[in-house]
Protein backbone atom coordinates (compact mmCIF):
# COMPACT_ATOMS: atom_id res chain seq x y z
CA MET A 1 24.26 4.42 -6.05
CA ARG A 2 21.70 2.89 -8.45
CA PRO A 3 22.64 -0.55 -10.53
CA TYR A 4 19.34 -1.46 -12.17
CA LEU A 5 16.17 -0.04 -11.39
CA LEU A 6 13.31 -1.21 -9.57
CA LEU A 7 10.13 -2.15 -11.29
CA THR A 8 8.17 -3.87 -8.30
CA PRO A 9 5.72 -2.37 -6.06
CA GLY A 10 7.83 -2.03 -3.55
CA PRO A 11 10.56 -1.59 -1.93
CA LEU A 12 10.65 0.64 -4.97
CA THR A 13 13.96 3.05 -6.43
CA THR A 14 14.41 5.90 -4.53
CA THR A 15 16.53 9.15 -4.96
CA ASP A 16 19.95 9.47 -3.87
CA THR A 17 19.20 12.03 -1.48
CA VAL A 18 17.00 9.90 0.23
CA LYS A 19 19.04 7.01 0.62
CA GLN A 20 21.56 9.69 1.74
CA ALA A 21 19.39 10.77 4.33
CA MET A 22 20.56 7.23 6.23
CA MET A 23 24.12 8.27 6.45
CA SER A 24 23.14 9.46 9.74
CA ASP A 25 22.68 7.45 13.12
CA TRP A 26 20.01 9.28 15.42
CA CYS A 27 18.85 8.75 19.38
CA THR A 28 15.00 7.24 20.05
CA TRP A 29 15.44 9.51 22.59
CA ASP A 30 16.79 12.92 21.66
CA GLU A 31 13.85 15.36 21.47
CA GLU A 32 15.70 16.18 17.72
CA TYR A 33 14.06 12.68 16.46
CA ASN A 34 10.88 12.25 18.02
CA LEU A 35 9.43 16.35 17.73
CA ASP A 36 11.20 17.75 14.73
CA ILE A 37 10.96 14.00 12.26
CA VAL A 38 8.08 11.85 14.11
CA GLU A 39 6.20 14.72 15.01
CA VAL A 40 6.39 15.78 11.69
CA ILE A 41 6.17 13.58 9.39
CA ARG A 42 2.69 12.58 12.00
CA LYS A 43 1.21 15.32 11.18
CA LYS A 44 1.92 15.08 7.57
CA LEU A 45 0.18 11.72 6.76
CA VAL A 46 -2.62 12.74 7.91
CA GLU A 47 -2.34 16.58 6.50
CA ILE A 48 -2.16 13.92 2.93
CA ALA A 49 -4.96 11.58 4.58
CA THR A 50 -7.79 14.50 5.03
CA SER A 51 -9.80 17.13 4.42
CA HIS A 52 -10.64 17.24 8.03
CA PRO A 53 -6.94 16.34 9.93
CA GLU A 54 -8.90 17.74 12.80
CA GLU A 55 -10.21 14.30 12.91
CA TYR A 56 -7.78 11.41 12.34
CA THR A 57 -4.65 10.69 13.88
CA ALA A 58 -1.45 8.55 13.00
CA VAL A 59 0.44 5.89 14.91
CA LEU A 60 3.69 4.81 13.03
CA MET A 61 4.75 0.60 13.66
CA GLN A 62 7.37 -1.35 13.14
CA GLY A 63 8.22 -3.64 10.74
CA SER A 64 6.20 -4.36 7.16
CA GLY A 65 2.55 -3.37 5.78
CA SER A 66 1.26 -6.74 6.91
CA PHE A 67 2.52 -5.51 10.26
CA CYS A 68 0.31 -2.82 10.62
CA VAL A 69 -2.47 -4.53 8.68
CA GLU A 70 -2.09 -7.67 11.72
CA ALA A 71 -1.74 -5.11 14.55
CA THR A 72 -5.09 -2.73 12.62
CA LEU A 73 -7.46 -5.67 12.87
CA GLY A 74 -6.31 -7.07 15.86
CA SER A 75 -6.33 -4.08 17.65
CA VAL A 76 -9.24 -2.29 16.37
CA VAL A 77 -11.81 -5.85 15.29
CA GLY A 78 -13.23 -6.77 19.32
CA SER A 79 -13.81 -9.88 20.59
CA THR A 80 -17.39 -9.56 19.74
CA ASP A 81 -16.98 -7.94 16.50
CA ASN A 82 -17.79 -9.80 13.80
CA LEU A 83 -15.09 -8.44 10.41
CA LEU A 84 -16.07 -9.03 7.17
CA VAL A 85 -12.90 -9.59 5.15
CA VAL A 86 -13.49 -8.16 1.15
CA ALA A 87 -11.11 -10.27 -1.06
CA ASN A 88 -9.52 -10.62 -4.90
CA GLY A 89 -6.43 -10.78 -4.61
CA ALA A 90 -3.90 -12.69 -1.64
CA TYR A 91 -3.34 -9.85 0.42
CA GLY A 92 -7.21 -9.36 1.22
CA LYS A 93 -7.17 -13.34 1.21
CA ARG A 94 -3.70 -12.44 4.59
CA MET A 95 -6.36 -10.45 6.64
CA GLY A 96 -8.92 -13.49 6.23
CA VAL A 97 -5.41 -15.34 7.51
CA ILE A 98 -4.52 -12.60 10.37
CA SER A 99 -7.94 -13.32 11.37
CA GLU A 100 -7.89 -17.26 11.96
CA TYR A 101 -4.55 -17.20 14.36
CA TYR A 102 -6.55 -14.28 15.97
CA ASN A 103 -9.35 -16.10 16.68
CA ILE A 104 -11.57 -12.68 15.16
CA ASN A 105 -15.58 -13.20 14.15
CA TYR A 106 -15.18 -13.02 10.40
CA HIS A 107 -16.03 -13.91 7.19
CA LEU A 108 -14.43 -13.87 3.54
CA MET A 109 -15.87 -13.15 1.10
CA ARG A 110 -13.70 -14.11 -2.46
CA PHE A 111 -14.14 -12.00 -5.73
CA GLU A 112 -12.09 -13.00 -8.74
CA GLU A 113 -8.67 -11.82 -8.70
CA THR A 114 -8.90 -10.60 -12.65
CA GLU A 115 -11.87 -8.37 -11.21
CA PRO A 116 -12.48 -5.57 -8.79
CA VAL A 117 -15.07 -6.29 -5.50
CA ASN A 118 -18.65 -6.43 -6.25
CA VAL A 119 -19.97 -3.10 -4.32
CA SER A 120 -23.93 -4.67 -4.60
CA LYS A 121 -22.59 -8.79 -3.23
CA ILE A 122 -21.00 -6.22 -0.49
CA ASP A 123 -24.75 -4.53 -0.14
CA THR A 124 -26.49 -7.73 0.49
CA TYR A 125 -24.48 -9.74 2.08
CA LEU A 126 -24.46 -6.44 5.04
CA THR A 127 -28.29 -5.97 4.73
CA LYS A 128 -28.81 -10.31 5.59
CA HIS A 129 -25.75 -10.23 7.89
CA PRO A 130 -27.22 -7.03 10.01
CA GLU A 131 -24.27 -8.15 12.61
CA VAL A 132 -21.16 -7.40 11.43
CA THR A 133 -19.58 -4.10 12.94
CA HIS A 134 -16.03 -4.07 9.80
CA VAL A 135 -15.30 -4.26 7.23
CA SER A 136 -11.52 -4.36 5.53
CA LEU A 137 -10.58 -3.42 1.38
CA VAL A 138 -7.11 -3.94 -0.23
CA HIS A 139 -7.05 -1.04 -2.11
CA CYS A 140 -5.18 -1.15 -5.36
CA GLU A 141 -4.85 -5.38 -5.49
CA THR A 142 -1.42 -5.82 -6.55
CA THR A 143 -1.72 -9.41 -6.99
CA THR A 144 -3.05 -7.92 -10.75
CA GLY A 145 -2.94 -4.16 -10.85
CA VAL A 146 -6.76 -3.91 -10.49
CA LEU A 147 -8.33 -1.14 -8.58
CA ASN A 148 -11.02 -1.87 -5.92
CA PRO A 149 -14.32 1.01 -6.45
CA LEU A 150 -12.88 2.30 -3.26
CA GLU A 151 -15.43 5.29 -3.50
CA GLU A 152 -18.93 3.53 -3.94
CA VAL A 153 -17.73 0.05 -1.54
CA ALA A 154 -17.72 3.05 1.25
CA ALA A 155 -20.55 4.82 0.58
CA ILE A 156 -21.96 1.20 0.95
CA VAL A 157 -20.80 0.36 4.04
CA LYS A 158 -20.76 3.66 6.04
CA ARG A 159 -25.18 3.99 4.26
CA HIS A 160 -24.29 0.06 6.73
CA GLY A 161 -22.85 2.23 9.82
CA LYS A 162 -20.09 -0.22 9.69
CA VAL A 163 -16.27 0.51 10.81
CA LEU A 164 -13.79 0.44 6.98
CA ILE A 165 -10.48 -0.34 7.11
CA VAL A 166 -8.68 0.10 4.08
CA ASP A 167 -5.37 -1.24 3.14
CA ALA A 168 -4.19 1.50 1.00
CA MET A 169 -0.74 0.51 0.66
CA SER A 170 0.34 0.35 -2.57
CA SER A 171 -2.24 3.26 -3.31
CA PHE A 172 -1.49 6.25 -0.74
CA GLY A 173 0.12 9.13 -1.45
CA GLY A 174 0.09 7.77 -4.99
CA ILE A 175 -3.77 7.69 -5.56
CA PRO A 176 -5.42 10.52 -4.21
CA ILE A 177 -8.22 9.66 -1.42
CA ASP A 178 -9.72 11.64 1.25
CA MET A 179 -10.30 9.52 3.85
CA ASP A 180 -12.56 11.56 5.32
CA LYS A 181 -14.90 12.56 2.98
CA LEU A 182 -15.39 8.50 1.91
CA SER A 183 -15.74 8.18 5.82
CA ILE A 184 -12.86 5.56 6.12
CA ASP A 185 -12.24 5.05 9.22
CA PHE A 186 -8.29 3.31 9.28
CA MET A 187 -6.00 3.21 6.48
CA ILE A 188 -2.47 1.51 6.17
CA SER A 189 0.59 1.79 4.37
CA SER A 190 4.03 1.37 4.10
CA ALA A 191 7.09 3.76 4.03
CA ASN A 192 8.47 1.34 1.20
CA LYS A 193 5.64 2.97 -1.55
CA CYS A 194 4.07 5.01 -3.42
CA ILE A 195 5.54 8.01 -0.27
CA GLN A 196 9.09 6.28 -2.06
CA GLY A 197 10.36 5.20 1.50
CA VAL A 198 12.98 2.81 2.39
CA PRO A 199 11.44 -0.74 3.57
CA GLY A 200 11.79 -0.51 8.17
CA PHE A 201 8.04 0.21 9.23
CA GLY A 202 4.23 0.76 8.14
CA PHE A 203 1.67 3.80 9.76
CA VAL A 204 -2.18 3.74 10.55
CA ILE A 205 -3.79 6.92 9.53
CA ALA A 206 -7.31 6.14 12.22
CA ARG A 207 -10.36 8.30 13.56
CA ARG A 208 -9.08 8.99 16.74
CA SER A 209 -12.49 8.82 18.29
CA LEU A 210 -12.85 5.29 17.28
CA LEU A 211 -9.05 4.71 18.33
CA GLU A 212 -9.59 6.27 21.19
CA GLN A 213 -12.08 3.23 21.59
CA CYS A 214 -8.58 0.40 21.70
CA LYS A 215 -7.54 0.84 24.18
CA GLY A 216 -6.99 -2.78 25.66
CA THR A 217 -8.57 -4.59 22.55
CA ALA A 218 -5.56 -5.96 20.94
CA ARG A 219 -3.99 -9.07 21.51
CA SER A 220 -0.06 -8.87 21.10
CA LEU A 221 1.94 -6.78 23.15
CA SER A 222 4.37 -5.48 20.04
CA LEU A 223 1.19 -4.81 17.38
CA ASP A 224 -1.02 -3.00 20.12
CA LEU A 225 -2.06 -0.33 17.56
CA TYR A 226 -3.76 1.66 20.39
CA ASP A 227 -0.32 1.65 22.97
CA GLN A 228 1.54 3.16 20.32
CA TRP A 229 -0.62 5.44 19.30
CA GLU A 230 -0.93 5.81 23.77
CA ALA A 231 2.74 6.41 23.53
CA MET A 232 3.60 8.36 20.47
CA GLU A 233 1.05 10.85 21.81
CA LYS A 234 2.08 11.85 25.66
CA GLY A 235 5.70 11.37 24.28
CA HIS A 236 5.51 13.54 21.00
CA GLY A 237 7.04 11.05 19.07
CA LYS A 238 8.90 8.56 21.38
CA TRP A 239 8.31 4.36 19.48
CA ARG A 240 7.58 2.22 23.19
CA PHE A 241 10.36 -0.13 20.80
CA THR A 242 13.81 1.16 19.97
CA SER A 243 12.24 2.14 15.90
CA PRO A 244 13.78 1.97 12.56
CA THR A 245 15.52 5.37 12.78
CA HIS A 246 17.72 5.55 10.08
CA VAL A 247 14.64 4.05 7.83
CA VAL A 248 11.78 7.59 9.86
CA ARG A 249 14.21 9.69 8.69
CA ALA A 250 14.78 8.47 4.20
CA PHE A 251 10.53 8.43 4.94
CA MET A 252 10.98 12.99 6.27
CA GLN A 253 13.20 12.97 2.86
CA ALA A 254 10.89 11.36 1.00
CA LEU A 255 7.36 12.94 2.16
CA SER A 256 9.87 16.73 1.57
CA GLU A 257 10.82 15.10 -2.39
CA LEU A 258 6.86 14.27 -2.83
CA ASN A 259 6.17 18.01 -1.81
CA ALA A 260 8.36 19.21 -4.20
CA GLU A 261 7.25 17.80 -6.97
CA GLY A 262 3.44 18.94 -5.88
CA GLY A 263 2.21 16.37 -3.93
CA VAL A 264 -0.61 13.32 -4.82
CA GLU A 265 -2.15 14.80 -8.00
CA ALA A 266 1.46 15.65 -9.50
CA ARG A 267 2.94 11.55 -8.65
CA TYR A 268 -0.43 9.77 -9.64
CA ALA A 269 0.10 12.69 -13.38
CA ARG A 270 4.01 10.32 -13.05
CA TYR A 271 2.78 6.80 -12.41
CA CYS A 272 -0.42 7.30 -15.15
CA GLU A 273 2.21 8.17 -17.70
CA ASN A 274 4.47 6.00 -16.63
CA HIS A 275 1.49 3.30 -16.91
CA ARG A 276 0.70 4.59 -20.29
CA VAL A 277 4.56 4.03 -21.51
CA LEU A 278 5.06 0.94 -20.81
CA VAL A 279 1.42 -0.62 -21.26
CA GLU A 280 1.64 1.03 -25.50
CA GLY A 281 5.39 -0.06 -25.31
CA MET A 282 4.92 -3.55 -24.24
CA ARG A 283 1.55 -3.04 -26.55
CA ALA A 284 2.94 -2.84 -29.65
CA LEU A 285 6.68 -5.54 -28.78
CA GLY A 286 2.94 -8.09 -28.31
CA TYR A 287 3.01 -8.39 -25.17
CA LYS A 288 -0.59 -8.45 -23.92
CA THR A 289 -2.29 -6.85 -20.83
CA LEU A 290 -4.31 -9.20 -18.15
CA LEU A 291 -6.29 -6.86 -17.05
CA PRO A 292 -8.92 -4.98 -18.95
CA ASP A 293 -7.24 -0.96 -19.06
CA GLU A 294 -11.23 0.48 -17.36
CA GLN A 295 -10.26 -2.02 -13.97
CA GLN A 296 -5.46 -2.01 -14.38
CA SER A 297 -4.20 0.40 -11.67
CA PRO A 298 -1.44 3.11 -12.00
CA VAL A 299 0.47 1.08 -10.41
CA ILE A 300 1.76 -2.12 -11.29
CA THR A 301 1.05 -3.91 -14.55
CA SER A 302 0.58 -7.41 -15.24
CA PHE A 303 1.24 -8.60 -19.18
CA TYR A 304 0.54 -12.27 -19.91
CA TYR A 305 3.87 -14.56 -21.13
CA PRO A 306 3.81 -13.97 -24.45
CA SER A 307 4.69 -17.66 -26.15
CA SER A 308 4.57 -21.24 -24.03
CA ASP A 309 8.04 -21.85 -23.98
CA PHE A 310 8.15 -18.31 -22.78
CA ASN A 311 11.38 -18.74 -19.66
CA PHE A 312 10.21 -16.23 -17.35
CA LYS A 313 13.96 -16.77 -15.49
CA GLU A 314 15.45 -15.62 -18.61
CA PHE A 315 14.30 -13.31 -18.94
CA TYR A 316 14.20 -11.63 -15.38
CA LEU A 317 18.16 -12.26 -15.16
CA LYS A 318 18.92 -10.66 -19.10
CA LEU A 319 16.08 -7.62 -18.12
CA LYS A 320 18.63 -7.26 -14.81
CA ALA A 321 21.41 -7.39 -16.54
CA LYS A 322 19.96 -3.89 -18.90
CA GLY A 323 19.44 -2.41 -15.79
CA PHE A 324 16.08 -3.54 -14.71
CA VAL A 325 14.36 -5.56 -12.83
CA ILE A 326 10.36 -6.26 -12.47
CA TYR A 327 8.17 -9.17 -10.41
CA PRO A 328 7.26 -12.88 -11.55
CA GLY A 329 3.16 -13.61 -11.36
CA LYS A 330 1.46 -14.00 -8.26
CA ILE A 331 -2.04 -15.55 -9.83
CA SER A 332 -2.36 -19.53 -10.56
CA GLN A 333 -5.35 -18.25 -13.35
CA ALA A 334 -2.69 -17.80 -15.73
CA ASP A 335 1.41 -17.54 -16.26
CA THR A 336 1.89 -13.55 -15.76
CA PHE A 337 4.34 -11.34 -14.80
CA ARG A 338 4.74 -8.02 -13.55
CA ILE A 339 6.22 -5.08 -13.45
CA GLY A 340 5.94 -1.53 -11.13
CA ASN A 341 5.21 1.35 -12.23
CA ILE A 342 5.69 3.38 -8.94
CA GLY A 343 9.40 4.35 -7.01
CA ASP A 344 12.07 7.39 -8.78
CA VAL A 345 11.64 6.17 -12.01
CA HIS A 346 9.28 7.73 -15.10
CA PRO A 347 8.48 7.63 -18.68
CA ILE A 348 11.96 7.69 -19.79
CA ASP A 349 13.13 4.74 -18.19
CA PHE A 350 10.25 2.80 -19.48
CA VAL A 351 10.61 4.35 -22.94
CA LYS A 352 14.56 2.19 -22.37
CA LEU A 353 12.76 -0.41 -20.80
CA THR A 354 11.02 -1.51 -23.42
CA GLU A 355 13.71 -0.45 -26.56
CA ALA A 356 15.06 -3.40 -23.55
CA VAL A 357 12.38 -6.06 -24.07
CA LYS A 358 12.59 -5.37 -27.52
CA GLU A 359 16.92 -5.77 -28.00
CA ILE A 360 16.11 -9.51 -25.82
CA MET A 361 12.98 -10.16 -28.12
CA ALA A 362 16.06 -10.12 -31.20
CA GLU A 363 18.31 -12.76 -29.36
């Protein structure tokens, strides 16, 4: 069932048991599906996200993670509100694009892709612009692999009394986050990231008191976060429109496997070890990382091309033939490629990967 390992930031390599969970068909109206799977998933997500689950709720939304980001911005930021989008990569910039489509009053604060966002500059901007009502940020920017200082940003945003929206697409479930401790109001992620499910839906974990105020704000029917939440609350897990039943069942299995592994802390430790083994192995072969170690997340790692005549496509195909699929680079400032450290992959896999790279270099 595994022709190769996906060393990408999602879709990623899943366990055989997660795949097998999709081998049955489910009826969207059946209580065994809605009550025993969807409602359990919603409850478990909130419990993972916060030490005070009574203050939060979870909404599942069909589509990719970007669907959920769009649903959140379009349903939470009203026509008279002002949004500060903090961006240091492609996914932060995408929030700006979404804001354009929805005619949201917003300002895009840009930072270098190879650096974490600057907390002091965010503080200064919010001081000068009291009209800002919401702030959005990507936690782990997989454009490069940089990990933004979420705790520090959250403290500044809360000191200014703003609503905080966090794209935790590639960090939730793999890096410990406590929404209540950090006063995060909306956090967005996807089934096919650190929980290690498969693509097909995303989810938003929201402060219940704020989500309850969002009725009528959405500019889209399908991406109306409030209506989706209200339907799930009243229907005990029933989705408004056809849900991705097989994907949801696989996600339920993935959540069970996260718990069996020891929870987010244990998974974070494995991802960190994956990253350590990868970086040490690649550096031993002469490859240099794009980011300094202190700015690097354990989710995905960017490496410079080893030489000016390096052919990434050829390298990619040779690695794929040896059982590994990696990612091209995503920035214009430098020639890079990326290797993901998340999914059902383990330190021994990265030992084998670097051995495969060494073999390719010797050819």
